[in-house]
Amino acid sequence: MEKKLVYFLCTGNSCRSQIADGFLNALGSDKYEVKSAGLEAHGLNPRAVQVMHESGVDISHNTSNVIDPEILNQSDFVITLCGHADEHCPVISNRNVIKWHWGFDDPAKATGTEEEIIAKFREVRDSIKDRIQTFVNEGK
């Protein structure tokens, strides 16, 4: 069975799309090829790496990438994880691509103490994990 290509998109490919990439690779790598990118490449957020490590998923070797139009049009699923990426996603010319928007708060914009900021990262991480688990269970 050929793996379906899932392309996660966000604004900077530093947090949410990296978390989604990590969880889908961990939970569904037998069914899916996973890639992620952003409208811009902001670099991998160290707090995203930290909270994923707490969940047993290592994304420390991931890279922050800019959207590749070729990958975009070869994908089976294009999933945006923030409103900005959803609104500014390049045009997908392949009509067979299924595009979804799963909106999550940007944990990188959290303010407060380090403990409060990490708590926001964990909250977003757990929400993304739940959505990924549902996606895998539904066998899209």
N, C-alpha and C. Protein backbone atom coordinates (compact mmCIF):
# COMPACT_ATOMS: atom_id res chain seq x y z
N MET A 1 0.84 -1.18 0.00
CA MET A 1 0.00 0.00 0.00
C MET A 1 0.88 1.25 0.00
N GLU A 2 0.59 2.15 -0.91
CA GLU A 2 1.36 3.38 -1.00
C GLU A 2 0.95 4.33 0.11
N LYS A 3 1.94 4.95 0.74
CA LYS A 3 1.67 5.89 1.82
C LYS A 3 1.09 7.18 1.24
N LYS A 4 0.14 7.76 1.97
CA LYS A 4 -0.42 9.05 1.59
C LYS A 4 0.49 10.15 2.13
N LEU A 5 0.67 11.19 1.32
CA LEU A 5 1.53 12.31 1.70
C LEU A 5 0.69 13.37 2.40
N VAL A 6 1.09 13.70 3.63
CA VAL A 6 0.43 14.74 4.42
C VAL A 6 1.42 15.88 4.59
N TYR A 7 0.98 17.08 4.24
CA TYR A 7 1.82 18.28 4.30
C TYR A 7 1.20 19.24 5.30
N PHE A 8 1.86 19.43 6.46
CA PHE A 8 1.38 20.35 7.48
C PHE A 8 1.99 21.73 7.24
N LEU A 9 1.12 22.75 7.25
CA LEU A 9 1.58 24.11 6.99
C LEU A 9 1.22 25.04 8.13
N CYS A 10 2.14 25.96 8.40
CA CYS A 10 1.96 26.97 9.44
C CYS A 10 2.66 28.24 8.95
N THR A 11 2.64 29.27 9.75
CA THR A 11 3.30 30.50 9.33
C THR A 11 4.82 30.35 9.26
N GLY A 12 5.43 29.87 10.35
CA GLY A 12 6.89 29.83 10.40
C GLY A 12 7.51 28.46 10.47
N ASN A 13 6.69 27.40 10.46
CA ASN A 13 7.18 26.01 10.54
C ASN A 13 8.14 25.85 11.72
N SER A 14 7.72 26.42 12.87
CA SER A 14 8.58 26.34 14.05
C SER A 14 7.93 25.60 15.21
N CYS A 15 6.60 25.61 15.31
CA CYS A 15 5.92 25.01 16.47
C CYS A 15 4.83 24.03 16.05
N ARG A 16 3.66 24.56 15.70
CA ARG A 16 2.48 23.72 15.48
C ARG A 16 2.67 22.71 14.35
N SER A 17 3.18 23.13 13.23
CA SER A 17 3.37 22.19 12.13
C SER A 17 4.46 21.16 12.46
N GLN A 18 5.45 21.56 13.25
CA GLN A 18 6.49 20.63 13.68
C GLN A 18 5.93 19.60 14.66
N ILE A 19 5.06 20.04 15.56
CA ILE A 19 4.43 19.14 16.52
C ILE A 19 3.55 18.14 15.77
N ALA A 20 2.76 18.63 14.82
CA ALA A 20 1.89 17.74 14.04
C ALA A 20 2.73 16.75 13.24
N ASP A 21 3.79 17.22 12.64
CA ASP A 21 4.71 16.37 11.88
C ASP A 21 5.25 15.26 12.79
N GLY A 22 5.71 15.63 13.97
CA GLY A 22 6.26 14.66 14.91
C GLY A 22 5.25 13.61 15.34
N PHE A 23 4.04 14.05 15.67
CA PHE A 23 3.03 13.10 16.12
C PHE A 23 2.55 12.18 14.99
N LEU A 24 2.37 12.71 13.78
CA LEU A 24 1.91 11.83 12.71
C LEU A 24 3.00 10.83 12.33
N ASN A 25 4.25 11.26 12.37
CA ASN A 25 5.34 10.31 12.14
C ASN A 25 5.36 9.24 13.22
N ALA A 26 5.10 9.63 14.47
CA ALA A 26 5.13 8.67 15.58
C ALA A 26 3.92 7.73 15.56
N LEU A 27 2.77 8.24 15.18
CA LEU A 27 1.52 7.47 15.28
C LEU A 27 1.06 6.84 13.97
N GLY A 28 1.57 7.33 12.84
CA GLY A 28 1.05 6.83 11.58
C GLY A 28 2.05 6.68 10.47
N SER A 29 3.33 6.51 10.83
CA SER A 29 4.36 6.45 9.78
C SER A 29 4.20 5.24 8.87
N ASP A 30 3.43 4.25 9.30
CA ASP A 30 3.19 3.09 8.45
C ASP A 30 2.22 3.41 7.32
N LYS A 31 1.39 4.45 7.49
CA LYS A 31 0.38 4.81 6.50
C LYS A 31 0.66 6.12 5.78
N TYR A 32 1.48 6.96 6.42
CA TYR A 32 1.64 8.32 5.89
C TYR A 32 3.10 8.72 5.74
N GLU A 33 3.37 9.46 4.68
CA GLU A 33 4.63 10.19 4.54
C GLU A 33 4.30 11.59 5.02
N VAL A 34 5.12 12.13 5.88
CA VAL A 34 4.80 13.40 6.54
C VAL A 34 5.85 14.45 6.21
N LYS A 35 5.38 15.63 5.86
CA LYS A 35 6.25 16.77 5.64
C LYS A 35 5.59 17.99 6.27
N SER A 36 6.39 18.98 6.60
CA SER A 36 5.84 20.23 7.13
C SER A 36 6.64 21.39 6.58
N ALA A 37 5.97 22.54 6.55
CA ALA A 37 6.62 23.75 6.03
C ALA A 37 5.85 24.97 6.52
N GLY A 38 6.40 26.13 6.20
CA GLY A 38 5.76 27.38 6.58
C GLY A 38 5.78 28.38 5.45
N LEU A 39 5.00 29.42 5.62
CA LEU A 39 5.06 30.53 4.68
C LEU A 39 6.46 31.15 4.73
N GLU A 40 7.07 31.06 5.91
CA GLU A 40 8.45 31.49 6.14
C GLU A 40 9.11 30.39 6.97
N ALA A 41 10.41 30.40 7.07
CA ALA A 41 11.13 29.45 7.92
C ALA A 41 11.68 30.21 9.13
N HIS A 42 11.08 29.99 10.29
CA HIS A 42 11.49 30.71 11.50
C HIS A 42 12.45 29.92 12.37
N GLY A 43 12.78 28.70 11.97
CA GLY A 43 13.64 27.86 12.79
C GLY A 43 12.81 27.07 13.79
N LEU A 44 13.33 25.97 14.24
CA LEU A 44 12.65 25.09 15.16
C LEU A 44 12.62 25.71 16.55
N ASN A 45 11.42 25.81 17.14
CA ASN A 45 11.27 26.43 18.45
C ASN A 45 11.75 25.45 19.53
N PRO A 46 12.71 25.86 20.37
CA PRO A 46 13.24 24.95 21.40
C PRO A 46 12.17 24.47 22.38
N ARG A 47 11.17 25.28 22.66
CA ARG A 47 10.11 24.84 23.57
C ARG A 47 9.25 23.75 22.92
N ALA A 48 9.05 23.82 21.63
CA ALA A 48 8.32 22.76 20.92
C ALA A 48 9.11 21.46 21.02
N VAL A 49 10.42 21.54 20.84
CA VAL A 49 11.27 20.36 20.96
C VAL A 49 11.15 19.79 22.37
N GLN A 50 11.18 20.67 23.38
CA GLN A 50 11.11 20.24 24.78
C GLN A 50 9.81 19.52 25.10
N VAL A 51 8.67 20.10 24.71
CA VAL A 51 7.40 19.47 25.08
C VAL A 51 7.14 18.20 24.28
N MET A 52 7.68 18.13 23.08
CA MET A 52 7.56 16.88 22.32
C MET A 52 8.43 15.80 22.94
N HIS A 53 9.61 16.17 23.41
CA HIS A 53 10.49 15.22 24.10
C HIS A 53 9.78 14.64 25.33
N GLU A 54 9.05 15.50 26.05
CA GLU A 54 8.27 15.05 27.21
C GLU A 54 7.24 13.98 26.81
N SER A 55 6.77 14.05 25.57
CA SER A 55 5.79 13.08 25.06
C SER A 55 6.45 11.87 24.41
N GLY A 56 7.77 11.83 24.43
CA GLY A 56 8.48 10.70 23.85
C GLY A 56 8.70 10.79 22.36
N VAL A 57 8.54 11.99 21.79
CA VAL A 57 8.74 12.18 20.36
C VAL A 57 9.89 13.17 20.15
N ASP A 58 10.88 12.76 19.38
CA ASP A 58 12.05 13.59 19.13
C ASP A 58 11.91 14.32 17.80
N ILE A 59 11.75 15.64 17.88
CA ILE A 59 11.71 16.45 16.65
C ILE A 59 12.95 17.33 16.54
N SER A 60 13.95 17.06 17.37
CA SER A 60 15.13 17.93 17.43
C SER A 60 15.92 17.97 16.13
N HIS A 61 15.74 16.97 15.27
CA HIS A 61 16.47 16.96 14.00
C HIS A 61 15.63 17.48 12.84
N ASN A 62 14.39 17.89 13.12
CA ASN A 62 13.55 18.47 12.07
C ASN A 62 14.16 19.80 11.63
N THR A 63 13.81 20.19 10.43
CA THR A 63 14.26 21.49 9.93
C THR A 63 13.04 22.34 9.63
N SER A 64 13.22 23.63 9.69
CA SER A 64 12.17 24.59 9.37
C SER A 64 12.28 24.92 7.89
N ASN A 65 11.20 24.65 7.15
CA ASN A 65 11.24 24.78 5.70
C ASN A 65 10.15 25.72 5.19
N VAL A 66 10.40 26.28 4.03
CA VAL A 66 9.41 27.11 3.33
C VAL A 66 8.60 26.19 2.42
N ILE A 67 7.34 26.52 2.23
CA ILE A 67 6.44 25.71 1.40
C ILE A 67 7.06 25.47 0.02
N ASP A 68 7.04 24.21 -0.39
CA ASP A 68 7.53 23.80 -1.70
C ASP A 68 6.30 23.53 -2.57
N PRO A 69 6.09 24.32 -3.64
CA PRO A 69 4.90 24.14 -4.48
C PRO A 69 4.77 22.73 -5.06
N GLU A 70 5.90 22.09 -5.34
CA GLU A 70 5.86 20.73 -5.89
C GLU A 70 5.30 19.75 -4.86
N ILE A 71 5.79 19.83 -3.63
CA ILE A 71 5.28 18.96 -2.56
C ILE A 71 3.81 19.28 -2.31
N LEU A 72 3.48 20.56 -2.31
CA LEU A 72 2.10 21.01 -2.08
C LEU A 72 1.14 20.32 -3.05
N ASN A 73 1.52 20.26 -4.31
CA ASN A 73 0.63 19.70 -5.34
C ASN A 73 0.73 18.18 -5.47
N GLN A 74 1.72 17.57 -4.82
CA GLN A 74 1.83 16.11 -4.82
C GLN A 74 1.14 15.51 -3.59
N SER A 75 0.76 16.35 -2.65
CA SER A 75 0.20 15.88 -1.38
C SER A 75 -1.18 15.29 -1.56
N ASP A 76 -1.50 14.34 -0.69
CA ASP A 76 -2.87 13.84 -0.60
C ASP A 76 -3.67 14.74 0.33
N PHE A 77 -3.02 15.21 1.40
CA PHE A 77 -3.65 16.11 2.37
C PHE A 77 -2.73 17.29 2.62
N VAL A 78 -3.29 18.50 2.58
CA VAL A 78 -2.60 19.70 3.00
C VAL A 78 -3.41 20.22 4.19
N ILE A 79 -2.74 20.32 5.33
CA ILE A 79 -3.44 20.70 6.56
C ILE A 79 -2.76 21.93 7.14
N THR A 80 -3.51 23.03 7.18
CA THR A 80 -2.99 24.26 7.79
C THR A 80 -3.34 24.23 9.27
N LEU A 81 -2.43 24.77 10.08
CA LEU A 81 -2.60 24.73 11.53
C LEU A 81 -2.75 26.11 12.15
N CYS A 82 -2.76 27.13 11.31
CA CYS A 82 -3.00 28.49 11.80
C CYS A 82 -3.74 29.27 10.73
N GLY A 83 -4.50 30.25 11.18
CA GLY A 83 -5.32 31.04 10.27
C GLY A 83 -4.51 31.76 9.21
N HIS A 84 -3.35 32.27 9.59
CA HIS A 84 -2.51 33.00 8.63
C HIS A 84 -2.08 32.09 7.49
N ALA A 85 -1.67 30.87 7.80
CA ALA A 85 -1.27 29.93 6.75
C ALA A 85 -2.47 29.52 5.91
N ASP A 86 -3.62 29.37 6.55
CA ASP A 86 -4.84 29.00 5.83
C ASP A 86 -5.20 30.08 4.81
N GLU A 87 -5.13 31.33 5.25
CA GLU A 87 -5.49 32.46 4.39
C GLU A 87 -4.47 32.73 3.30
N HIS A 88 -3.20 32.40 3.55
CA HIS A 88 -2.13 32.77 2.62
C HIS A 88 -1.47 31.56 1.95
N CYS A 89 -2.07 30.40 2.08
CA CYS A 89 -1.53 29.20 1.45
C CYS A 89 -1.48 29.41 -0.06
N PRO A 90 -0.38 29.04 -0.68
CA PRO A 90 -0.33 29.15 -2.15
C PRO A 90 -1.46 28.35 -2.79
N VAL A 91 -1.80 28.72 -3.98
CA VAL A 91 -2.85 28.03 -4.71
C VAL A 91 -2.40 26.59 -4.98
N ILE A 92 -3.30 25.67 -4.71
CA ILE A 92 -3.03 24.26 -4.98
C ILE A 92 -3.67 23.94 -6.32
N SER A 93 -2.84 23.62 -7.31
CA SER A 93 -3.38 23.39 -8.65
C SER A 93 -3.93 21.98 -8.83
N ASN A 94 -3.48 21.04 -8.01
CA ASN A 94 -3.95 19.66 -8.11
C ASN A 94 -5.30 19.55 -7.40
N ARG A 95 -6.36 19.31 -8.13
CA ARG A 95 -7.70 19.26 -7.55
C ARG A 95 -7.93 18.03 -6.68
N ASN A 96 -7.03 17.07 -6.73
CA ASN A 96 -7.18 15.86 -5.91
C ASN A 96 -6.65 16.04 -4.49
N VAL A 97 -5.96 17.14 -4.23
CA VAL A 97 -5.43 17.41 -2.89
C VAL A 97 -6.60 17.78 -1.98
N ILE A 98 -6.65 17.15 -0.83
CA ILE A 98 -7.66 17.49 0.18
C ILE A 98 -7.02 18.50 1.12
N LYS A 99 -7.63 19.69 1.23
CA LYS A 99 -7.08 20.74 2.10
C LYS A 99 -8.01 20.94 3.28
N TRP A 100 -7.43 20.86 4.46
CA TRP A 100 -8.17 21.09 5.70
C TRP A 100 -7.47 22.15 6.52
N HIS A 101 -8.26 22.80 7.37
CA HIS A 101 -7.70 23.76 8.33
C HIS A 101 -8.02 23.27 9.73
N TRP A 102 -6.96 23.02 10.51
CA TRP A 102 -7.09 22.69 11.92
C TRP A 102 -6.45 23.85 12.69
N GLY A 103 -7.25 24.76 13.16
CA GLY A 103 -6.70 25.94 13.84
C GLY A 103 -6.31 25.67 15.29
N PHE A 104 -5.10 26.04 15.63
CA PHE A 104 -4.60 25.93 17.01
C PHE A 104 -3.95 27.25 17.39
N ASP A 105 -4.05 27.61 18.67
CA ASP A 105 -3.37 28.81 19.16
C ASP A 105 -1.87 28.68 18.93
N ASP A 106 -1.21 29.81 18.76
CA ASP A 106 0.24 29.82 18.58
C ASP A 106 0.90 29.86 19.95
N PRO A 107 1.50 28.76 20.38
CA PRO A 107 2.12 28.77 21.71
C PRO A 107 3.31 29.72 21.80
N ALA A 108 3.93 30.03 20.67
CA ALA A 108 5.08 30.94 20.67
C ALA A 108 4.67 32.36 21.05
N LYS A 109 3.37 32.66 21.00
CA LYS A 109 2.89 33.99 21.37
C LYS A 109 2.44 34.05 22.83
N ALA A 110 2.58 32.93 23.55
CA ALA A 110 2.19 32.90 24.95
C ALA A 110 3.07 33.85 25.75
N THR A 111 2.48 34.47 26.76
CA THR A 111 3.23 35.38 27.63
C THR A 111 3.09 34.92 29.08
N GLY A 112 3.90 35.49 29.93
CA GLY A 112 3.87 35.16 31.34
C GLY A 112 5.18 34.57 31.78
N THR A 113 5.10 33.81 32.86
CA THR A 113 6.31 33.15 33.37
C THR A 113 6.69 32.01 32.44
N GLU A 114 7.89 31.51 32.59
CA GLU A 114 8.32 30.37 31.78
C GLU A 114 7.38 29.19 32.00
N GLU A 115 6.94 29.00 33.23
CA GLU A 115 6.02 27.91 33.55
C GLU A 115 4.68 28.07 32.81
N GLU A 116 4.18 29.30 32.73
CA GLU A 116 2.92 29.57 32.02
C GLU A 116 3.09 29.37 30.52
N ILE A 117 4.22 29.79 29.98
CA ILE A 117 4.48 29.63 28.55
C ILE A 117 4.59 28.14 28.20
N ILE A 118 5.34 27.39 28.99
CA ILE A 118 5.47 25.94 28.74
C ILE A 118 4.12 25.26 28.87
N ALA A 119 3.30 25.71 29.81
CA ALA A 119 1.95 25.14 29.97
C ALA A 119 1.13 25.33 28.70
N LYS A 120 1.27 26.48 28.05
CA LYS A 120 0.56 26.74 26.79
C LYS A 120 1.09 25.82 25.69
N PHE A 121 2.40 25.64 25.62
CA PHE A 121 2.97 24.70 24.65
C PHE A 121 2.42 23.31 24.86
N ARG A 122 2.33 22.87 26.12
CA ARG A 122 1.80 21.54 26.42
C ARG A 122 0.33 21.42 26.03
N GLU A 123 -0.42 22.48 26.29
CA GLU A 123 -1.86 22.47 25.94
C GLU A 123 -2.04 22.32 24.43
N VAL A 124 -1.28 23.09 23.65
CA VAL A 124 -1.37 23.02 22.19
C VAL A 124 -0.86 21.66 21.71
N ARG A 125 0.24 21.20 22.27
CA ARG A 125 0.78 19.87 21.92
C ARG A 125 -0.28 18.79 22.11
N ASP A 126 -0.94 18.81 23.25
CA ASP A 126 -1.93 17.77 23.55
C ASP A 126 -3.14 17.86 22.63
N SER A 127 -3.55 19.07 22.28
CA SER A 127 -4.66 19.25 21.34
C SER A 127 -4.31 18.73 19.96
N ILE A 128 -3.09 19.02 19.52
CA ILE A 128 -2.64 18.52 18.22
C ILE A 128 -2.54 17.00 18.24
N LYS A 129 -2.01 16.45 19.31
CA LYS A 129 -1.90 14.99 19.40
C LYS A 129 -3.28 14.33 19.30
N ASP A 130 -4.27 14.89 20.00
CA ASP A 130 -5.63 14.34 19.94
C ASP A 130 -6.16 14.37 18.51
N ARG A 131 -5.92 15.48 17.80
CA ARG A 131 -6.43 15.60 16.42
C ARG A 131 -5.70 14.63 15.49
N ILE A 132 -4.41 14.46 15.69
CA ILE A 132 -3.63 13.52 14.89
C ILE A 132 -4.12 12.10 15.15
N GLN A 133 -4.36 11.76 16.41
CA GLN A 133 -4.83 10.42 16.76
C GLN A 133 -6.17 10.13 16.08
N THR A 134 -7.06 11.11 16.08
CA THR A 134 -8.35 10.95 15.39
C THR A 134 -8.15 10.74 13.92
N PHE A 135 -7.27 11.52 13.30
CA PHE A 135 -6.97 11.40 11.88
C PHE A 135 -6.47 9.98 11.56
N VAL A 136 -5.54 9.47 12.36
CA VAL A 136 -4.98 8.13 12.14
C VAL A 136 -6.06 7.08 12.34
N ASN A 137 -6.86 7.23 13.39
CA ASN A 137 -7.91 6.26 13.68
C ASN A 137 -8.96 6.20 12.58
N GLU A 138 -9.25 7.37 11.98
CA GLU A 138 -10.25 7.41 10.90
C GLU A 138 -9.68 6.83 9.61
N GLY A 139 -8.38 6.68 9.55
CA GLY A 139 -7.74 6.05 8.39
C GLY A 139 -7.94 6.79 7.09
N LYS A 140 -7.88 8.10 7.16
CA LYS A 140 -8.05 8.92 5.95
C LYS A 140 -7.00 8.59 4.91
